Protein backbone atom coordinates (compact mmCIF):
# COMPACT_ATOMS: atom_id res chain seq x y z
CA UNK A 1 0.05 0.00 -0.02
CA UNK A 2 2.83 2.47 0.80
CA UNK A 3 4.25 2.40 -2.72
CA UNK A 4 0.65 3.06 -3.97
CA UNK A 5 0.52 6.14 -2.05
CA UNK A 6 3.96 7.49 -2.85
CA UNK A 7 3.36 7.57 -6.50
CA UNK A 8 -0.03 9.11 -6.09
CA UNK A 9 1.39 11.94 -3.85
CA UNK A 10 3.99 12.06 -6.35
CA UNK A 11 1.14 12.31 -9.39
CA UNK A 12 -0.67 14.76 -7.73
CA UNK A 13 2.12 17.28 -6.80
CA UNK A 14 3.15 16.94 -10.73
CA UNK A 15 -0.15 17.85 -11.19
CA UNK A 16 0.49 21.08 -9.06
CA UNK A 17 3.74 22.13 -10.92
CA UNK A 18 2.03 21.97 -14.43
CA UNK A 19 -1.00 24.39 -13.24
CA UNK A 20 1.68 26.57 -11.99
CA UNK A 21 3.27 27.00 -15.04
CA UNK A 22 0.30 27.17 -16.95
CA UNK A 23 -0.99 29.84 -15.30
CA UNK A 24 2.58 31.86 -15.75
CA UNK A 25 2.82 31.10 -19.12
CA UNK A 26 -0.94 32.54 -19.69
CA UNK A 27 -0.69 35.55 -17.18
CA UNK A 28 2.50 37.24 -19.31
CA UNK A 29 0.69 36.41 -22.71
CA UNK A 30 -2.24 38.01 -24.73
CA UNK A 31 -5.33 36.41 -25.00
CA UNK A 32 -4.31 35.29 -28.42
CA UNK A 33 -1.17 33.76 -27.34
CA UNK A 34 1.18 36.64 -28.87
CA UNK A 35 2.99 39.49 -26.90
CA UNK A 36 0.99 42.74 -26.31
CA UNK A 37 2.17 45.70 -28.76
CA UNK A 38 3.48 49.06 -27.78
CA UNK A 39 0.49 50.98 -29.23
CA UNK A 40 -1.98 49.21 -27.22
CA UNK A 41 -0.11 48.55 -23.88
CA UNK A 42 -2.38 50.48 -21.65
CA UNK A 43 -5.44 48.14 -22.87
CA UNK A 44 -3.94 45.23 -23.22
CA UNK A 45 -2.44 45.50 -19.71
CA UNK A 46 -5.93 46.38 -18.10
CA UNK A 47 -7.11 42.68 -19.88
CA UNK A 48 -4.19 40.97 -18.64
CA UNK A 49 -4.38 42.37 -14.74
CA UNK A 50 -8.17 41.14 -15.03
CA UNK A 51 -7.50 37.88 -16.95
CA UNK A 52 -4.61 37.25 -14.18
CA UNK A 53 -7.05 37.85 -11.32
CA UNK A 54 -9.37 34.98 -12.31
CA UNK A 55 -6.03 32.67 -13.08
CA UNK A 56 -4.89 33.48 -9.77
CA UNK A 57 -8.64 32.97 -7.94
CA UNK A 58 -8.06 29.14 -9.99
CA UNK A 59 -4.94 29.01 -8.82
CA UNK A 60 -5.89 29.20 -5.23
CA UNK A 61 -9.02 26.65 -5.51
CA UNK A 62 -6.77 24.62 -6.88
CA UNK A 63 -4.02 24.61 -4.42
CA UNK A 64 -6.41 24.00 -1.95
CA UNK A 65 -7.65 21.11 -3.59
CA UNK A 66 -3.97 19.73 -3.63
CA UNK A 67 -3.71 20.41 0.48
CA UNK A 68 -6.92 18.34 1.20
CA UNK A 69 -5.88 15.41 -1.27
CA UNK A 70 -2.21 15.36 0.46
CA UNK A 71 -3.85 15.42 4.04
CA UNK A 72 -5.87 12.79 3.28
CA UNK A 73 -3.08 10.74 2.21
CA UNK A 74 -1.11 11.34 5.03
CA UNK A 75 -3.98 10.45 7.29
CA UNK A 76 -3.77 6.75 5.57
CA UNK A 77 -0.54 5.95 6.73
CA UNK A 78 -0.35 3.30 8.88
CA UNK A 79 0.06 3.99 12.71
CA UNK A 80 3.21 3.17 14.45
CA UNK A 81 3.25 0.99 17.64
CA UNK A 82 2.99 2.95 20.72
CA UNK A 83 4.45 2.44 24.34
CA UNK A 84 2.74 0.40 27.16
CA UNK A 85 -0.14 2.43 28.72
CA UNK A 86 -0.46 2.83 32.49
CA UNK A 87 -3.12 1.24 35.00
CA UNK A 88 -5.33 3.38 37.31
CA UNK A 89 -5.58 2.55 40.86
CA UNK A 90 -9.02 2.68 42.33
CA UNK A 91 -9.94 5.28 45.08
CA UNK A 92 -12.48 4.20 47.07
CA UNK A 93 -15.58 7.15 47.28
CA UNK A 94 -16.49 8.38 50.56
CA UNK A 95 -19.38 10.76 49.75
CA UNK A 96 -21.62 11.89 52.60
CA UNK A 97 -25.17 11.77 51.92
CA UNK A 98 -26.77 14.72 50.81
CA UNK A 99 -23.66 15.90 49.56
CA UNK A 100 -23.42 14.82 45.92
CA UNK A 101 -24.66 17.13 43.17
CA UNK A 102 -26.59 15.21 40.69
CA UNK A 103 -25.42 16.19 37.30
CA UNK A 104 -27.66 17.12 34.40
CA UNK A 105 -10.81 27.90 25.82
CA UNK A 106 -7.95 31.29 23.86
CA UNK A 107 -10.63 32.91 25.54
CA UNK A 108 -8.45 33.91 28.69
CA UNK A 109 -8.99 35.91 31.61
CA UNK A 110 -11.51 38.76 30.69
CA UNK A 111 -12.06 42.23 32.13
CA UNK A 112 -14.90 43.82 33.57
CA UNK A 113 -15.98 45.42 30.09
CA UNK A 114 -15.83 42.13 28.83
CA UNK A 115 -18.02 40.77 31.34
CA UNK A 116 -20.85 43.71 31.19
CA UNK A 117 -20.84 43.05 27.19
CA UNK A 118 -20.94 39.31 27.69
CA UNK A 119 -24.03 39.32 29.26
CA UNK A 120 -26.24 39.52 26.78
CA UNK A 121 -24.61 36.09 25.14
CA UNK A 122 -23.83 33.77 28.16
CA UNK A 123 -26.24 31.05 28.16
CA UNK A 124 -27.90 31.58 24.87
CA UNK A 125 -27.38 28.17 22.97
CA UNK A 126 -25.17 28.11 20.35
CA UNK A 127 -25.78 26.11 17.19
CA UNK A 128 -23.18 23.84 16.32
CA UNK A 129 -21.72 23.14 13.09
CA UNK A 130 -23.01 20.27 10.69
CA UNK A 131 -20.20 17.94 10.28
CA UNK A 132 -19.63 17.53 6.34
CA UNK A 133 -19.47 13.96 4.98
CA UNK A 134 -16.67 12.05 3.47
CA UNK A 135 -16.42 10.09 0.26
CA UNK A 136 -17.60 6.80 1.89
CA UNK A 137 -20.63 8.44 3.52
CA UNK A 138 -19.02 9.27 7.15
CA UNK A 139 -18.48 12.29 8.49
CA UNK A 140 -15.06 13.64 7.89
CA UNK A 141 -14.17 13.91 11.35
CA UNK A 142 -15.57 10.53 12.25
CA UNK A 143 -13.68 8.75 9.78
CA UNK A 144 -10.37 10.60 10.99
CA UNK A 145 -11.16 9.59 14.98
CA UNK A 146 -12.23 5.79 13.52
CA UNK A 147 -9.23 4.47 13.99
CA UNK A 148 -9.34 5.02 17.72
CA UNK A 149 -11.43 1.86 18.39
CA UNK A 150 -10.78 0.96 22.24
CA UNK A 151 -12.28 3.10 25.05
CA UNK A 152 -10.37 0.98 27.49
CA UNK A 153 -6.87 -0.71 26.07
CA UNK A 154 -7.54 -4.70 26.26
CA UNK A 155 -10.93 -3.51 27.68
CA UNK A 156 -9.75 -3.53 31.20
CA UNK A 157 -11.47 -0.14 33.09
CA UNK A 158 -7.96 0.07 34.94
CA UNK A 159 -6.46 1.15 31.31
CA UNK A 160 -8.95 4.07 29.74
CA UNK A 161 -8.09 5.72 26.99
CA UNK A 162 -8.21 9.39 27.68
CA UNK A 163 -8.06 11.75 24.49
CA UNK A 164 -5.81 14.92 24.77
CA UNK A 165 -7.84 17.51 22.31
CA UNK A 166 -5.55 20.56 21.40
CA UNK A 167 -7.12 23.30 20.36
CA UNK A 168 -5.52 25.49 17.80
CA UNK A 169 -5.97 28.41 15.23
CA UNK A 170 -3.40 30.09 13.80
CA UNK A 171 -0.36 30.00 15.94
CA UNK A 172 2.48 27.90 14.51
CA UNK A 173 3.90 27.85 18.05
CA UNK A 174 1.56 25.11 18.65
CA UNK A 175 4.48 22.78 17.64
CA UNK A 176 6.10 23.90 21.52
CA UNK A 177 2.35 22.43 22.87
CA UNK A 178 2.86 19.25 21.07
CA UNK A 179 6.80 18.54 21.54
CA UNK A 180 5.85 18.62 25.72
CA UNK A 181 2.60 16.56 24.99
CA UNK A 182 4.49 13.75 22.71
CA UNK A 183 7.72 13.99 25.36
CA UNK A 184 5.90 13.17 28.60
CA UNK A 185 2.93 10.52 27.05
CA UNK A 186 3.45 7.31 28.31
CA UNK A 187 1.39 5.80 25.94
CA UNK A 188 0.26 6.82 22.76
CA UNK A 189 -2.48 4.50 22.84
CA UNK A 190 -3.82 5.68 26.09
CA UNK A 191 -3.36 9.03 25.17
CA UNK A 192 -3.78 10.11 21.76
CA UNK A 193 -3.24 13.96 20.91
CA UNK A 194 -6.17 15.02 19.03
CA UNK A 195 -5.34 18.62 17.14
CA UNK A 196 -8.36 20.72 16.18
CA UNK A 197 -7.68 23.48 14.56
CA UNK A 198 -10.42 26.25 13.81
CA UNK A 199 -9.05 29.21 11.40
CA UNK A 200 -7.73 27.08 8.38
CA UNK A 201 -4.36 28.22 8.65
CA UNK A 202 -2.29 27.02 6.18
CA UNK A 203 1.03 27.54 8.00
CA UNK A 204 -0.43 26.20 11.36
CA UNK A 205 -2.02 23.19 9.28
CA UNK A 206 1.42 22.23 7.97
CA UNK A 207 3.08 22.30 11.43
CA UNK A 208 0.51 20.15 12.71
CA UNK A 209 0.89 17.78 10.07
CA UNK A 210 4.41 17.32 10.08
CA UNK A 211 4.32 15.52 13.22
CA UNK A 212 2.65 12.79 11.38
CA UNK A 213 1.20 9.74 13.23
CA UNK A 214 2.07 11.11 16.53
CA UNK A 215 -1.21 13.38 16.85
CA UNK A 216 -4.74 13.02 14.81
CA UNK A 217 -5.28 16.45 12.82
CA UNK A 218 -9.35 17.44 12.83
CA UNK A 219 -11.09 20.62 11.03
CA UNK A 220 -13.39 22.50 12.19
CA UNK A 221 -15.42 23.11 9.00
CA UNK A 222 -17.72 26.28 9.42
CA UNK A 223 -15.44 28.90 8.57
CA UNK A 224 -18.10 31.26 7.67
CA UNK A 225 -18.46 34.79 9.49
CA UNK A 226 -20.31 34.81 12.75
CA UNK A 227 -23.22 37.62 13.65
CA UNK A 228 -22.16 39.46 16.41
CA UNK A 229 -24.00 42.59 17.77
CA UNK A 230 -22.24 45.76 16.96
CA UNK A 231 -21.33 46.53 20.68
CA UNK A 232 -19.71 43.66 20.64
CA UNK A 233 -17.66 43.52 17.28
CA UNK A 234 -14.23 43.51 19.13
CA UNK A 235 -14.86 40.16 20.85
CA UNK A 236 -16.05 38.22 17.40
CA UNK A 237 -12.88 35.83 18.79
CA UNK A 238 -15.08 34.68 21.76
CA UNK A 239 -17.84 33.48 19.39
CA UNK A 240 -15.49 31.72 17.00
CA UNK A 241 -13.73 30.13 20.12
CA UNK A 242 -17.08 28.96 21.51
CA UNK A 243 -18.02 27.70 18.11
CA UNK A 244 -14.74 25.65 17.80
CA UNK A 245 -15.02 24.15 21.38
CA UNK A 246 -18.65 23.40 21.07
CA UNK A 247 -18.06 21.53 17.45
CA UNK A 248 -14.54 19.52 18.66
CA UNK A 249 -16.25 18.56 22.00
CA UNK A 250 -19.15 17.10 20.09
CA UNK A 251 -17.16 15.48 17.39
CA UNK A 252 -14.54 13.43 20.16
CA UNK A 253 -17.41 12.54 22.74
CA UNK A 254 -19.14 11.39 19.94
CA UNK A 255 -16.95 8.86 19.27
CA UNK A 256 -17.58 7.19 22.75
CA UNK A 257 -14.79 8.01 25.29
CA UNK A 258 -15.43 8.66 28.80
CA UNK A 259 -13.25 11.63 29.76
CA UNK A 260 -11.20 13.87 27.74
CA UNK A 261 -8.21 16.11 28.45
CA UNK A 262 -8.65 19.71 27.36
CA UNK A 263 -5.46 21.75 25.67
CA UNK A 264 -5.30 24.81 24.09
CA UNK A 265 -2.19 25.61 21.70
CA UNK A 266 0.04 27.97 23.82
CA UNK A 267 0.49 25.53 27.12
CA UNK A 268 3.33 24.17 28.25
CA UNK A 269 2.94 20.86 30.68
CA UNK A 270 5.14 19.69 33.26
CA UNK A 271 6.67 16.13 33.17
CA UNK A 272 4.15 14.66 35.27
CA UNK A 273 0.98 15.82 33.52
CA UNK A 274 -0.76 12.80 32.41
CA UNK A 275 0.25 10.83 35.45
CA UNK A 276 -1.58 14.09 37.16
CA UNK A 277 -4.67 13.34 35.52
CA UNK A 278 -4.46 9.14 35.96
CA UNK A 279 -4.22 9.70 39.64
CA UNK A 280 -7.09 11.92 39.66
CA UNK A 281 -9.37 10.29 37.15
CA UNK A 282 -11.07 7.75 39.57
CA UNK A 283 -12.04 10.80 42.01
CA UNK A 284 -13.54 12.27 39.33
CA UNK A 285 -15.19 9.40 38.14
CA UNK A 286 -16.93 9.04 41.95
CA UNK A 287 -17.14 11.73 43.60
CA UNK A 288 -20.52 13.57 41.96
CA UNK A 289 -19.82 16.90 43.71
CA UNK A 290 -16.49 17.07 41.50
CA UNK A 291 -16.55 18.06 37.83
CA UNK A 292 -13.42 18.74 36.76
CA UNK A 293 -9.48 18.54 37.07
CA UNK A 294 -7.43 21.03 36.33
CA UNK A 295 -3.41 21.67 35.88
CA UNK A 296 -3.46 25.29 36.58
CA UNK A 297 -2.99 27.22 39.60
CA UNK A 298 -4.06 31.27 39.20
CA UNK A 299 -1.80 32.16 41.90
CA UNK A 300 0.99 29.36 40.60
CA UNK A 301 3.66 32.44 40.69
CA UNK A 302 6.82 31.56 42.39
CA UNK A 303 6.76 33.16 45.66
CA UNK A 304 2.97 32.79 46.35
CA UNK A 305 2.98 28.92 46.40
CA UNK A 306 5.28 26.47 48.67
CA UNK A 307 7.60 25.33 46.13
CA UNK A 308 8.30 22.30 47.89
CA UNK A 309 4.67 20.56 48.36
CA UNK A 310 4.79 18.94 44.78
CA UNK A 311 2.19 16.59 45.83
CA UNK A 312 -0.46 19.11 47.63
CA UNK A 313 -4.07 19.09 45.79
CA UNK A 314 -6.82 21.33 46.34
CA UNK A 315 -10.39 21.47 46.02
CA UNK A 316 -11.59 24.64 44.20
CA UNK A 317 -15.28 26.32 43.26
CA UNK A 318 -13.41 28.19 40.95
CA UNK A 319 -13.21 26.78 37.40
CA UNK A 320 -9.56 26.91 36.22
CA UNK A 321 -9.35 25.66 32.68
CA UNK A 322 -5.85 25.72 31.04
CA UNK A 323 -5.51 22.22 30.71
CA UNK A 324 -7.95 20.43 32.27
CA UNK A 325 -10.37 16.76 32.53
CA UNK A 326 -14.15 16.85 31.96
CA UNK A 327 -16.15 13.41 31.81
CA UNK A 328 -18.90 12.60 28.75
CA UNK A 329 -21.57 13.05 31.46
CA UNK A 330 -20.77 16.64 32.17
CA UNK A 331 -20.54 17.32 28.18
CA UNK A 332 -23.97 15.42 27.71
CA UNK A 333 -25.23 17.93 30.41
CA UNK A 334 -23.57 21.16 28.90
CA UNK A 335 -23.80 20.64 25.10
CA UNK A 336 -27.97 21.64 24.54
CA UNK A 337 -27.01 24.87 25.99
CA UNK A 338 -23.71 25.42 24.99
CA UNK A 339 -23.28 29.53 24.73
CA UNK A 340 -22.32 31.58 21.43
CA UNK A 341 -19.50 33.17 23.20
CA UNK A 342 -17.63 33.39 26.58
CA UNK A 343 -17.64 29.56 27.10
CA UNK A 344 -15.33 30.06 30.31
CA UNK A 345 -17.58 32.88 31.76
CA UNK A 346 -20.68 31.20 31.00
CA UNK A 347 -19.39 27.38 32.87
CA UNK A 348 -18.88 29.21 36.02
CA UNK A 349 -22.09 30.56 36.36
CA UNK A 350 -24.24 29.03 39.04
CA UNK A 351 -26.48 27.38 36.59
CA UNK A 352 -23.85 25.39 35.35
CA UNK A 353 -21.61 24.85 38.15
CA UNK A 354 -24.35 23.57 40.63
CA UNK A 355 -21.82 23.89 43.69
CA UNK A 356 -19.50 21.32 42.08
CA UNK A 357 -15.65 21.98 42.63
CA UNK A 358 -12.53 21.01 40.11
CA UNK A 359 -9.47 19.52 41.62
CA UNK A 360 -6.23 21.72 41.28
CA UNK A 361 -2.63 21.72 42.33
CA UNK A 362 -0.40 23.80 44.44
CA UNK A 363 2.47 23.63 41.60
CA UNK A 364 0.84 24.25 38.45
CA UNK A 365 1.22 21.26 35.48
CA UNK A 366 0.40 23.72 33.06
CA UNK A 367 1.84 27.64 31.44
CA UNK A 368 0.72 29.43 29.19
CA UNK A 369 3.49 30.98 26.73
CA UNK A 370 0.68 32.72 24.62
CA UNK A 371 0.98 36.49 24.86
CA UNK A 372 -0.75 36.98 21.89
CA UNK A 373 -4.24 36.19 21.55
CA UNK A 374 -8.14 37.14 21.41
CA UNK A 375 -7.52 38.61 24.81
CA UNK A 376 -4.53 40.92 23.44
CA UNK A 377 -2.37 39.84 26.07
CA UNK A 378 -4.79 40.77 29.12
CA UNK A 379 -2.46 39.47 32.39
CA UNK A 380 -0.19 38.19 30.74
CA UNK A 381 3.07 40.31 31.47
CA UNK A 382 1.43 41.58 34.66
CA UNK A 383 0.72 38.07 35.98
CA UNK A 384 0.52 35.07 33.58
CA UNK A 385 4.31 34.59 32.65
CA UNK A 386 5.07 34.20 36.13
CA UNK A 387 3.34 31.25 36.56
CA UNK A 388 5.90 28.29 37.86
CA UNK A 389 5.57 25.03 35.85
CA UNK A 390 6.44 22.03 38.24
CA UNK A 391 9.50 20.37 37.30
CA UNK A 392 9.31 17.26 39.23
CA UNK A 393 7.65 13.77 38.60
CA UNK A 394 5.01 12.60 41.38
CA UNK A 395 4.00 9.59 41.26
CA UNK A 396 0.09 10.62 41.56
CA UNK A 397 -1.69 7.01 40.61
CA UNK A 398 0.78 5.66 43.77
CA UNK A 399 -0.48 8.14 45.93
CA UNK A 400 -3.93 7.96 48.25
CA UNK A 401 -5.95 10.70 47.04
CA UNK A 402 -9.08 9.79 48.93
CA UNK A 403 -8.33 12.91 50.96
CA UNK A 404 -9.82 15.08 48.06
CA UNK A 405 -12.99 13.39 48.63
CA UNK A 406 -15.94 15.97 49.51
CA UNK A 407 -16.95 14.15 52.76
CA UNK A 408 -13.17 13.94 53.88
CA UNK A 409 -11.71 17.08 52.74
CA UNK A 410 -14.33 19.63 54.11
CA UNK A 411 -13.99 18.49 57.51
CA UNK A 412 -10.09 18.34 57.52
CA UNK A 413 -9.78 21.45 55.39
CA UNK A 414 -11.91 23.99 57.51
CA UNK A 415 -10.12 22.76 60.56
CA UNK A 416 -7.13 23.72 59.43
CA UNK A 417 -8.12 26.88 58.28
CA UNK A 418 -10.31 28.03 61.41
CA UNK A 419 -8.06 26.92 63.69
CA UNK A 420 -5.09 28.58 62.75
CA UNK A 421 -4.39 31.80 64.04
CA UNK A 422 -5.69 35.32 62.56
CA UNK A 423 -3.21 38.37 61.70
CA UNK A 424 -3.68 41.41 60.50
CA UNK A 425 -2.87 42.19 56.75
CA UNK A 426 -0.35 45.06 58.32
CA UNK A 427 1.05 42.35 60.34
CA UNK A 428 1.95 40.19 57.72
CA UNK A 429 3.50 42.65 55.44
CA UNK A 430 5.48 44.14 57.92
CA UNK A 431 6.84 40.98 59.15
CA UNK A 432 5.00 41.11 62.53
CA UNK A 433 4.17 37.28 62.63
CA UNK A 434 6.38 35.29 64.78
CA UNK A 435 5.03 31.28 64.18
CA UNK A 436 5.71 29.64 61.48
CA UNK A 437 2.47 27.82 61.58
CA UNK A 438 -0.62 28.20 59.13
CA UNK A 439 -2.05 31.62 59.71
CA UNK A 440 -5.55 33.38 58.79
CA UNK A 441 -6.60 36.56 57.24
CA UNK A 442 -10.31 37.26 57.82
CA UNK A 443 -12.56 39.14 55.42
CA UNK A 444 -16.05 40.28 55.37
CA UNK A 445 -16.79 42.25 52.78
CA UNK A 446 -15.58 42.50 49.01
CA UNK A 447 -13.33 45.79 49.83
CA UNK A 448 -11.47 43.98 52.32
CA UNK A 449 -10.68 40.80 49.98
CA UNK A 450 -9.92 43.59 47.09
CA UNK A 451 -7.56 44.94 49.38
CA UNK A 452 -5.69 41.90 50.85
CA UNK A 453 -5.42 40.38 47.13
CA UNK A 454 -3.89 43.46 45.68
CA UNK A 455 -1.44 43.44 48.79
CA UNK A 456 -0.16 40.64 48.42
CA UNK A 457 -0.18 40.31 44.48
CA UNK A 458 -3.46 37.47 44.56
CA UNK A 459 -5.51 37.49 41.68
CA UNK A 460 -8.18 40.10 42.78
CA UNK A 461 -11.11 39.26 40.50
CA UNK A 462 -14.40 37.14 40.77
CA UNK A 463 -16.00 35.12 38.05
CA UNK A 464 -19.69 34.77 39.67
CA UNK A 465 -18.77 35.94 42.89
CA UNK A 466 -16.22 33.15 43.13
CA UNK A 467 -12.63 34.15 43.83
CA UNK A 468 -9.89 32.18 41.60
CA UNK A 469 -8.84 29.19 43.81
CA UNK A 470 -11.44 29.64 46.46
CA UNK A 471 -12.78 26.69 48.26
CA UNK A 472 -15.65 27.85 50.42
CA UNK A 473 -14.55 31.31 50.29
CA UNK A 474 -10.82 30.36 51.20
CA UNK A 475 -7.60 30.94 49.36
CA UNK A 476 -4.81 28.93 50.37
CA UNK A 477 -1.35 30.58 49.19
CA UNK A 478 2.41 31.19 50.27
CA UNK A 479 3.86 34.51 51.69
CA UNK A 480 7.51 34.88 52.79
CA UNK A 481 7.86 31.00 53.40
CA UNK A 482 4.35 31.10 55.29
CA UNK A 483 1.11 29.41 54.70
CA UNK A 484 -1.59 31.69 54.97
CA UNK A 485 -5.63 31.39 54.26
CA UNK A 486 -7.30 34.32 53.32
CA UNK A 487 -10.62 33.38 54.31
CA UNK A 488 -14.63 34.23 55.28
CA UNK A 489 -14.66 35.97 58.86
CA UNK A 490 -16.74 33.70 60.21
CA UNK A 491 -16.53 29.31 59.28
CA UNK A 492 -20.44 29.69 58.72
CA UNK A 493 -20.28 30.36 55.65
CA UNK A 494 -23.45 31.27 53.30
CA UNK A 495 -22.04 31.11 49.98
CA UNK A 496 -20.84 33.41 47.19
CA UNK A 497 -22.74 36.41 46.22
CA UNK A 498 -22.83 37.13 42.79
CA UNK A 499 -22.69 41.08 43.40
CA UNK A 500 -18.78 40.89 44.24
CA UNK A 501 -18.44 40.09 40.27
């Protein structure tokens, strides 16, 4: 089969060269095949320009068809063997009765103006693009993903197949992300990398295709313009991102996968990125008060984290994104109401979150290098570029992570926080704290919280009333080598206030 494919590829390239030559020759001669006479040069030149424009348009269309043929040939290449997969240890669920909740991008961080203008579209379901059919009658994306037949390796639930979906557009630097994902991947069979590309950017597509069998490329077919209200024209990119996410999730989960890991094309990942998700997968599946696992820590800057606590994980009411795992059950719940834009702010709303939490690490397992994007570098120079990426490998699959189950976590975490000594912000800033034990700064109002976060270098904004990284209103961080909890003044917490956003 390989010689036939090689011959076919060479044939297509030969046709392309001939077409290029003919287009050039026709563009420099008159319509009658002769050279233009000087006396009528201006008139002939105008005709030639029009004629050349028509040839250029035809040539561009033929070139796109050529690239499509090449892509189809490359996709039919035989897949190389992968290295052995890794099993997932079962973690017992210890949910307390009544604590479980029934289950029903880069759009990066936004500002207050964006949030205000987004109110008109958040929660408005977006029509998902139809999936075009290939020559054999099957949808093109289904044909591309049909090679992934197994949902569990060897039909063993201890070895789930978890695709890594990379969302790409027009960044050729996607190679940095893919290099990390391939370098640290323990098993190509257990973690197939699927790159979903929007924007139809040729250079980015060629970069992705250069990885051949290491990744699978699918392309968002709907490249039509998106109607946007006049006052939101500058946010059109967020509409396209939401459309892309909805289409890709529908396509991948449509193949029967139980869960996926979502990555954007400007993320670097830690050496134990896959191990982190393998270790937390059983808890996500069994504790219904959880709805995602994220590799990101919004306050994961050097000096705000315990750089020695590589294995420390938290529950968080704030949806972090930026390298996260979700289940098919959650997608089935969200798909019917997927929004037209600002999907990450939408998913943080109470109607979607339903008091569920995510798992997040002390040391980030993902880091963004993408300053340029739809958010125009918002927060990057001030914050994101200082995020510290964990460099030490932690065997999470061999660790006992049952402390993250809600019934166990709430009791232990709240006890630790509210038994810690209370200090003021000024005492902490002036170095007047005499203990090395964990301490607590209490807040009662939004203004008190904002003052503390601005003074300590923490992210100070809210999404649907939830502070970044918070669990039950508590934000855990390090300051001058000491554990600090910024917490509501009373353990009798009443819930998040939406007016704080």
